Amino acid sequence: MMSFSISDTGKGFDAKDLPFLFSKFYQGDPSRNDQLHHGLGLYIVKELVIKHGGEIQARNNKPQGACIEFTISSIK
């Protein structure tokens, strides 16, 4: 099994968005409702992780920033 953690030092996720981050077409930031952002990125990542027998989660770092953590069991 391999574990990955990707984090930043930005503003983090809004608490109201956390339950929906991996939903298809979800866009928490209304200013991103243009042709360049379709709300598919984290959905696609989730699907790939699941296909490799893994799990994925999102959280906020303390004191600031966002973190995506996932595991995959194997790559064949």
PDB file of N, CA and C in Angstrom:
ATOM      1  N   MET A   1       0.848  -1.173   0.000  1.00  0.00           N
ATOM      2  CA  MET A   1       0.000   0.000   0.000  1.00  0.00           C
ATOM      3  C   MET A   1       0.895   1.238   0.000  1.00  0.00           C
ATOM      4  N   MET A   2       0.474   2.240  -0.741  1.00  0.00           N
ATOM      5  CA  MET A   2       1.189   3.517  -0.772  1.00  0.00           C
ATOM      6  C   MET A   2       0.254   4.617  -0.289  1.00  0.00           C
ATOM      7  N   SER A   3       0.815   5.547   0.479  1.00  0.00           N
ATOM      8  CA  SER A   3       0.052   6.690   0.994  1.00  0.00           C
ATOM      9  C   SER A   3       0.636   7.971   0.448  1.00  0.00           C
ATOM     10  N   PHE A   4      -0.250   8.913   0.126  1.00  0.00           N
ATOM     11  CA  PHE A   4       0.147  10.202  -0.406  1.00  0.00           C
ATOM     12  C   PHE A   4      -0.564  11.309   0.358  1.00  0.00           C
ATOM     13  N   SER A   5       0.122  12.417   0.523  1.00  0.00           N
ATOM     14  CA  SER A   5      -0.454  13.589   1.167  1.00  0.00           C
ATOM     15  C   SER A   5       0.020  14.821   0.392  1.00  0.00           C
ATOM     16  N   ILE A   6      -0.944  15.598  -0.105  1.00  0.00           N
ATOM     17  CA  ILE A   6      -0.633  16.812  -0.853  1.00  0.00           C
ATOM     18  C   ILE A   6      -1.264  17.975  -0.092  1.00  0.00           C
ATOM     19  N   SER A   7      -0.445  18.949   0.269  1.00  0.00           N
ATOM     20  CA  SER A   7      -0.982  20.072   1.040  1.00  0.00           C
ATOM     21  C   SER A   7      -0.407  21.384   0.540  1.00  0.00           C
ATOM     22  N   ASP A   8      -1.068  22.462   0.925  1.00  0.00           N
ATOM     23  CA  ASP A   8      -0.604  23.805   0.581  1.00  0.00           C
ATOM     24  C   ASP A   8      -0.734  24.706   1.798  1.00  0.00           C
ATOM     25  N   THR A   9      -0.375  25.950   1.625  1.00  0.00           N
ATOM     26  CA  THR A   9      -0.475  26.916   2.727  1.00  0.00           C
ATOM     27  C   THR A   9      -1.447  28.039   2.378  1.00  0.00           C
ATOM     28  N   GLY A  10      -2.400  27.753   1.510  1.00  0.00           N
ATOM     29  CA  GLY A  10      -3.402  28.741   1.111  1.00  0.00           C
ATOM     30  C   GLY A  10      -4.486  28.900   2.154  1.00  0.00           C
ATOM     31  N   LYS A  11      -5.660  29.345   1.716  1.00  0.00           N
ATOM     32  CA  LYS A  11      -6.755  29.616   2.651  1.00  0.00           C
ATOM     33  C   LYS A  11      -7.498  28.363   3.097  1.00  0.00           C
ATOM     34  N   GLY A  12      -7.264  27.233   2.445  1.00  0.00           N
ATOM     35  CA  GLY A  12      -7.945  26.002   2.825  1.00  0.00           C
ATOM     36  C   GLY A  12      -9.316  25.890   2.203  1.00  0.00           C
ATOM     37  N   PHE A  13     -10.026  24.837   2.562  1.00  0.00           N
ATOM     38  CA  PHE A  13     -11.380  24.603   2.066  1.00  0.00           C
ATOM     39  C   PHE A  13     -12.383  25.270   2.996  1.00  0.00           C
ATOM     40  N   ASP A  14     -13.469  25.780   2.438  1.00  0.00           N
ATOM     41  CA  ASP A  14     -14.569  26.251   3.278  1.00  0.00           C
ATOM     42  C   ASP A  14     -15.212  25.023   3.916  1.00  0.00           C
ATOM     43  N   ALA A  15     -15.560  25.133   5.184  1.00  0.00           N
ATOM     44  CA  ALA A  15     -16.155  24.005   5.912  1.00  0.00           C
ATOM     45  C   ALA A  15     -17.409  23.497   5.211  1.00  0.00           C
ATOM     46  N   LYS A  16     -18.186  24.393   4.618  1.00  0.00           N
ATOM     47  CA  LYS A  16     -19.421  23.986   3.937  1.00  0.00           C
ATOM     48  C   LYS A  16     -19.144  23.173   2.675  1.00  0.00           C
ATOM     49  N   ASP A  17     -17.953  23.305   2.107  1.00  0.00           N
ATOM     50  CA  ASP A  17     -17.606  22.606   0.872  1.00  0.00           C
ATOM     51  C   ASP A  17     -17.024  21.215   1.107  1.00  0.00           C
ATOM     52  N   LEU A  18     -16.451  20.960   2.270  1.00  0.00           N
ATOM     53  CA  LEU A  18     -15.761  19.690   2.529  1.00  0.00           C
ATOM     54  C   LEU A  18     -16.580  18.443   2.169  1.00  0.00           C
ATOM     55  N   PRO A  19     -17.876  18.368   2.509  1.00  0.00           N
ATOM     56  CA  PRO A  19     -18.627  17.146   2.175  1.00  0.00           C
ATOM     57  C   PRO A  19     -18.836  16.934   0.671  1.00  0.00           C
ATOM     58  N   PHE A  20     -18.627  17.969  -0.129  1.00  0.00           N
ATOM     59  CA  PHE A  20     -18.966  17.903  -1.550  1.00  0.00           C
ATOM     60  C   PHE A  20     -17.763  17.964  -2.489  1.00  0.00           C
ATOM     61  N   LEU A  21     -16.557  18.075  -1.971  1.00  0.00           N
ATOM     62  CA  LEU A  21     -15.371  18.306  -2.798  1.00  0.00           C
ATOM     63  C   LEU A  21     -15.167  17.266  -3.889  1.00  0.00           C
ATOM     64  N   PHE A  22     -15.548  16.024  -3.642  1.00  0.00           N
ATOM     65  CA  PHE A  22     -15.318  14.957  -4.610  1.00  0.00           C
ATOM     66  C   PHE A  22     -16.549  14.674  -5.468  1.00  0.00           C
ATOM     67  N   SER A  23     -17.560  15.536  -5.383  1.00  0.00           N
ATOM     68  CA  SER A  23     -18.771  15.362  -6.176  1.00  0.00           C
ATOM     69  C   SER A  23     -18.558  15.885  -7.594  1.00  0.00           C
ATOM     70  N   LYS A  24     -19.142  15.186  -8.542  1.00  0.00           N
ATOM     71  CA  LYS A  24     -19.036  15.569  -9.950  1.00  0.00           C
ATOM     72  C   LYS A  24     -19.674  16.943 -10.162  1.00  0.00           C
ATOM     73  N   PHE A  25     -18.955  17.831 -10.803  1.00  0.00           N
ATOM     74  CA  PHE A  25     -19.378  19.184 -11.182  1.00  0.00           C
ATOM     75  C   PHE A  25     -19.526  20.151 -10.004  1.00  0.00           C
ATOM     76  N   TYR A  26     -19.069  19.770  -8.799  1.00  0.00           N
ATOM     77  CA  TYR A  26     -19.199  20.687  -7.664  1.00  0.00           C
ATOM     78  C   TYR A  26     -18.173  21.815  -7.778  1.00  0.00           C
ATOM     79  N   GLN A  27     -18.658  23.036  -7.601  1.00  0.00           N
ATOM     80  CA  GLN A  27     -17.800  24.222  -7.599  1.00  0.00           C
ATOM     81  C   GLN A  27     -18.168  25.062  -6.396  1.00  0.00           C
ATOM     82  N   GLY A  28     -17.336  25.025  -5.387  1.00  0.00           N
ATOM     83  CA  GLY A  28     -17.624  25.757  -4.162  1.00  0.00           C
ATOM     84  C   GLY A  28     -17.470  27.255  -4.305  1.00  0.00           C
ATOM     85  N   ASP A  29     -16.560  27.698  -5.146  1.00  0.00           N
ATOM     86  CA  ASP A  29     -16.283  29.119  -5.326  1.00  0.00           C
ATOM     87  C   ASP A  29     -17.077  29.637  -6.520  1.00  0.00           C
ATOM     88  N   PRO A  30     -18.108  30.458  -6.290  1.00  0.00           N
ATOM     89  CA  PRO A  30     -18.938  30.926  -7.411  1.00  0.00           C
ATOM     90  C   PRO A  30     -18.168  31.744  -8.447  1.00  0.00           C
ATOM     91  N   SER A  31     -17.028  32.297  -8.080  1.00  0.00           N
ATOM     92  CA  SER A  31     -16.262  33.085  -9.043  1.00  0.00           C
ATOM     93  C   SER A  31     -15.590  32.201 -10.094  1.00  0.00           C
ATOM     94  N   ARG A  32     -15.606  30.893  -9.886  1.00  0.00           N
ATOM     95  CA  ARG A  32     -14.972  29.976 -10.838  1.00  0.00           C
ATOM     96  C   ARG A  32     -15.981  29.393 -11.820  1.00  0.00           C
ATOM     97  N   ASN A  33     -17.177  29.900 -11.867  1.00  0.00           N
ATOM     98  CA  ASN A  33     -18.193  29.391 -12.784  1.00  0.00           C
ATOM     99  C   ASN A  33     -17.995  29.957 -14.178  1.00  0.00           C
ATOM    100  N   ASP A  34     -16.917  29.565 -14.813  1.00  0.00           N
ATOM    101  CA  ASP A  34     -16.664  29.983 -16.188  1.00  0.00           C
ATOM    102  C   ASP A  34     -16.299  28.753 -17.015  1.00  0.00           C
ATOM    103  N   GLN A  35     -15.867  28.956 -18.217  1.00  0.00           N
ATOM    104  CA  GLN A  35     -15.593  27.839 -19.118  1.00  0.00           C
ATOM    105  C   GLN A  35     -14.340  27.048 -18.739  1.00  0.00           C
ATOM    106  N   LEU A  36     -13.482  27.593 -17.903  1.00  0.00           N
ATOM    107  CA  LEU A  36     -12.225  26.926 -17.594  1.00  0.00           C
ATOM    108  C   LEU A  36     -12.314  25.948 -16.427  1.00  0.00           C
ATOM    109  N   HIS A  37     -13.356  26.039 -15.611  1.00  0.00           N
ATOM    110  CA  HIS A  37     -13.474  25.197 -14.429  1.00  0.00           C
ATOM    111  C   HIS A  37     -14.823  24.490 -14.442  1.00  0.00           C
ATOM    112  N   HIS A  38     -14.767  23.175 -14.479  1.00  0.00           N
ATOM    113  CA  HIS A  38     -16.003  22.404 -14.580  1.00  0.00           C
ATOM    114  C   HIS A  38     -16.299  21.559 -13.349  1.00  0.00           C
ATOM    115  N   GLY A  39     -15.465  21.619 -12.325  1.00  0.00           N
ATOM    116  CA  GLY A  39     -15.723  20.859 -11.108  1.00  0.00           C
ATOM    117  C   GLY A  39     -15.519  19.365 -11.282  1.00  0.00           C
ATOM    118  N   LEU A  40     -14.552  18.971 -12.113  1.00  0.00           N
ATOM    119  CA  LEU A  40     -14.312  17.550 -12.345  1.00  0.00           C
ATOM    120  C   LEU A  40     -12.991  17.043 -11.775  1.00  0.00           C
ATOM    121  N   GLY A  41     -12.068  17.920 -11.431  1.00  0.00           N
ATOM    122  CA  GLY A  41     -10.725  17.503 -11.030  1.00  0.00           C
ATOM    123  C   GLY A  41     -10.698  16.524  -9.876  1.00  0.00           C
ATOM    124  N   LEU A  42     -11.246  16.886  -8.728  1.00  0.00           N
ATOM    125  CA  LEU A  42     -11.211  15.997  -7.564  1.00  0.00           C
ATOM    126  C   LEU A  42     -12.114  14.778  -7.754  1.00  0.00           C
ATOM    127  N   TYR A  43     -13.168  14.941  -8.548  1.00  0.00           N
ATOM    128  CA  TYR A  43     -14.025  13.794  -8.862  1.00  0.00           C
ATOM    129  C   TYR A  43     -13.228  12.740  -9.633  1.00  0.00           C
ATOM    130  N   ILE A  44     -12.464  13.166 -10.632  1.00  0.00           N
ATOM    131  CA  ILE A  44     -11.653  12.243 -11.431  1.00  0.00           C
ATOM    132  C   ILE A  44     -10.582  11.585 -10.566  1.00  0.00           C
ATOM    133  N   VAL A  45      -9.930  12.368  -9.714  1.00  0.00           N
ATOM    134  CA  VAL A  45      -8.918  11.809  -8.814  1.00  0.00           C
ATOM    135  C   VAL A  45      -9.539  10.742  -7.922  1.00  0.00           C
ATOM    136  N   LYS A  46     -10.708  11.026  -7.364  1.00  0.00           N
ATOM    137  CA  LYS A  46     -11.389  10.053  -6.506  1.00  0.00           C
ATOM    138  C   LYS A  46     -11.668   8.757  -7.263  1.00  0.00           C
ATOM    139  N   GLU A  47     -12.152   8.860  -8.476  1.00  0.00           N
ATOM    140  CA  GLU A  47     -12.460   7.669  -9.273  1.00  0.00           C
ATOM    141  C   GLU A  47     -11.203   6.847  -9.547  1.00  0.00           C
ATOM    142  N   LEU A  48     -10.094   7.502  -9.852  1.00  0.00           N
ATOM    143  CA  LEU A  48      -8.832   6.790 -10.089  1.00  0.00           C
ATOM    144  C   LEU A  48      -8.333   6.095  -8.824  1.00  0.00           C
ATOM    145  N   VAL A  49      -8.426   6.784  -7.698  1.00  0.00           N
ATOM    146  CA  VAL A  49      -7.992   6.200  -6.422  1.00  0.00           C
ATOM    147  C   VAL A  49      -8.833   4.966  -6.096  1.00  0.00           C
ATOM    148  N   ILE A  50     -10.130   5.062  -6.263  1.00  0.00           N
ATOM    149  CA  ILE A  50     -11.018   3.928  -5.983  1.00  0.00           C
ATOM    150  C   ILE A  50     -10.697   2.755  -6.906  1.00  0.00           C
ATOM    151  N   LYS A  51     -10.441   3.020  -8.169  1.00  0.00           N
ATOM    152  CA  LYS A  51     -10.115   1.950  -9.121  1.00  0.00           C
ATOM    153  C   LYS A  51      -8.820   1.232  -8.757  1.00  0.00           C
ATOM    154  N   HIS A  52      -7.962   1.883  -7.979  1.00  0.00           N
ATOM    155  CA  HIS A  52      -6.725   1.254  -7.517  1.00  0.00           C
ATOM    156  C   HIS A  52      -6.849   0.745  -6.085  1.00  0.00           C
ATOM    157  N   GLY A  53      -8.081   0.546  -5.626  1.00  0.00           N
ATOM    158  CA  GLY A  53      -8.319  -0.038  -4.317  1.00  0.00           C
ATOM    159  C   GLY A  53      -7.988   0.877  -3.160  1.00  0.00           C
ATOM    160  N   GLY A  54      -8.075   2.181  -3.374  1.00  0.00           N
ATOM    161  CA  GLY A  54      -7.694   3.125  -2.329  1.00  0.00           C
ATOM    162  C   GLY A  54      -8.839   3.932  -1.768  1.00  0.00           C
ATOM    163  N   GLU A  55      -8.463   4.849  -0.915  1.00  0.00           N
ATOM    164  CA  GLU A  55      -9.401   5.783  -0.284  1.00  0.00           C
ATOM    165  C   GLU A  55      -8.803   7.172  -0.356  1.00  0.00           C
ATOM    166  N   ILE A  56      -9.675   8.179  -0.334  1.00  0.00           N
ATOM    167  CA  ILE A  56      -9.229   9.567  -0.423  1.00  0.00           C
ATOM    168  C   ILE A  56     -10.032  10.413   0.544  1.00  0.00           C
ATOM    169  N   GLN A  57      -9.385  11.432   1.095  1.00  0.00           N
ATOM    170  CA  GLN A  57     -10.085  12.367   1.976  1.00  0.00           C
ATOM    171  C   GLN A  57      -9.469  13.755   1.847  1.00  0.00           C
ATOM    172  N   ALA A  58     -10.244  14.743   2.212  1.00  0.00           N
ATOM    173  CA  ALA A  58      -9.795  16.138   2.198  1.00  0.00           C
ATOM    174  C   ALA A  58      -9.990  16.718   3.585  1.00  0.00           C
ATOM    175  N   ARG A  59      -9.082  17.608   3.956  1.00  0.00           N
ATOM    176  CA  ARG A  59      -9.187  18.282   5.251  1.00  0.00           C
ATOM    177  C   ARG A  59      -8.444  19.603   5.166  1.00  0.00           C
ATOM    178  N   ASN A  60      -8.585  20.393   6.196  1.00  0.00           N
ATOM    179  CA  ASN A  60      -7.834  21.635   6.317  1.00  0.00           C
ATOM    180  C   ASN A  60      -6.660  21.425   7.266  1.00  0.00           C
ATOM    181  N   ASN A  61      -5.541  22.046   6.939  1.00  0.00           N
ATOM    182  CA  ASN A  61      -4.368  22.039   7.809  1.00  0.00           C
ATOM    183  C   ASN A  61      -4.525  23.112   8.870  1.00  0.00           C
ATOM    184  N   LYS A  62      -3.829  22.953   9.952  1.00  0.00           N
ATOM    185  CA  LYS A  62      -3.775  24.010  10.961  1.00  0.00           C
ATOM    186  C   LYS A  62      -2.380  24.598  10.926  1.00  0.00           C
ATOM    187  N   PRO A  63      -2.180  25.868  10.912  1.00  0.00           N
ATOM    188  CA  PRO A  63      -3.172  26.927  11.062  1.00  0.00           C
ATOM    189  C   PRO A  63      -3.854  27.329   9.747  1.00  0.00           C
ATOM    190  N   GLN A  64      -3.305  26.933   8.588  1.00  0.00           N
ATOM    191  CA  GLN A  64      -3.969  27.276   7.328  1.00  0.00           C
ATOM    192  C   GLN A  64      -3.566  26.287   6.253  1.00  0.00           C
ATOM    193  N   GLY A  65      -4.339  26.288   5.181  1.00  0.00           N
ATOM    194  CA  GLY A  65      -4.027  25.432   4.052  1.00  0.00           C
ATOM    195  C   GLY A  65      -4.979  24.256   3.918  1.00  0.00           C
ATOM    196  N   ALA A  66      -4.875  23.588   2.780  1.00  0.00           N
ATOM    197  CA  ALA A  66      -5.705  22.437   2.471  1.00  0.00           C
ATOM    198  C   ALA A  66      -4.824  21.208   2.334  1.00  0.00           C
ATOM    199  N   CYS A  67      -5.433  20.040   2.523  1.00  0.00           N
ATOM    200  CA  CYS A  67      -4.693  18.793   2.401  1.00  0.00           C
ATOM    201  C   CYS A  67      -5.596  17.726   1.783  1.00  0.00           C
ATOM    202  N   ILE A  68      -5.070  17.038   0.773  1.00  0.00           N
ATOM    203  CA  ILE A  68      -5.723  15.871   0.188  1.00  0.00           C
ATOM    204  C   ILE A  68      -4.822  14.683   0.508  1.00  0.00           C
ATOM    205  N   GLU A  69      -5.404  13.647   1.104  1.00  0.00           N
ATOM    206  CA  GLU A  69      -4.649  12.445   1.444  1.00  0.00           C
ATOM    207  C   GLU A  69      -5.327  11.245   0.799  1.00  0.00           C
ATOM    208  N   PHE A  70      -4.519  10.365   0.223  1.00  0.00           N
ATOM    209  CA  PHE A  70      -5.098   9.155  -0.355  1.00  0.00           C
ATOM    210  C   PHE A  70      -4.120   7.999  -0.285  1.00  0.00           C
ATOM    211  N   THR A  71      -4.684   6.801  -0.365  1.00  0.00           N
ATOM    212  CA  THR A  71      -3.893   5.580  -0.414  1.00  0.00           C
ATOM    213  C   THR A  71      -4.313   4.801  -1.655  1.00  0.00           C
ATOM    214  N   ILE A  72      -3.393   4.012  -2.174  1.00  0.00           N
ATOM    215  CA  ILE A  72      -3.726   3.043  -3.211  1.00  0.00           C
ATOM    216  C   ILE A  72      -3.095   1.720  -2.808  1.00  0.00           C
ATOM    217  N   SER A  73      -3.806   0.625  -3.103  1.00  0.00           N
ATOM    218  CA  SER A  73      -3.298  -0.664  -2.654  1.00  0.00           C
ATOM    219  C   SER A  73      -2.303  -1.254  -3.627  1.00  0.00           C
ATOM    220  N   SER A  74      -2.522  -1.068  -4.923  1.00  0.00           N
ATOM    221  CA  SER A  74      -1.578  -1.621  -5.884  1.00  0.00           C
ATOM    222  C   SER A  74      -1.793  -1.009  -7.261  1.00  0.00           C
ATOM    223  N   ILE A  75      -0.769  -1.050  -8.048  1.00  0.00           N
ATOM    224  CA  ILE A  75      -0.862  -0.635  -9.453  1.00  0.00           C
ATOM    225  C   ILE A  75      -0.444  -1.850 -10.271  1.00  0.00           C
ATOM    226  N   LYS A  76      -1.324  -2.290 -11.158  1.00  0.00           N
ATOM    227  CA  LYS A  76      -1.024  -3.487 -11.954  1.00  0.00           C
ATOM    228  C   LYS A  76      -0.678  -3.110 -13.357  1.00  0.00           C
TER     229      LYS A  76
END
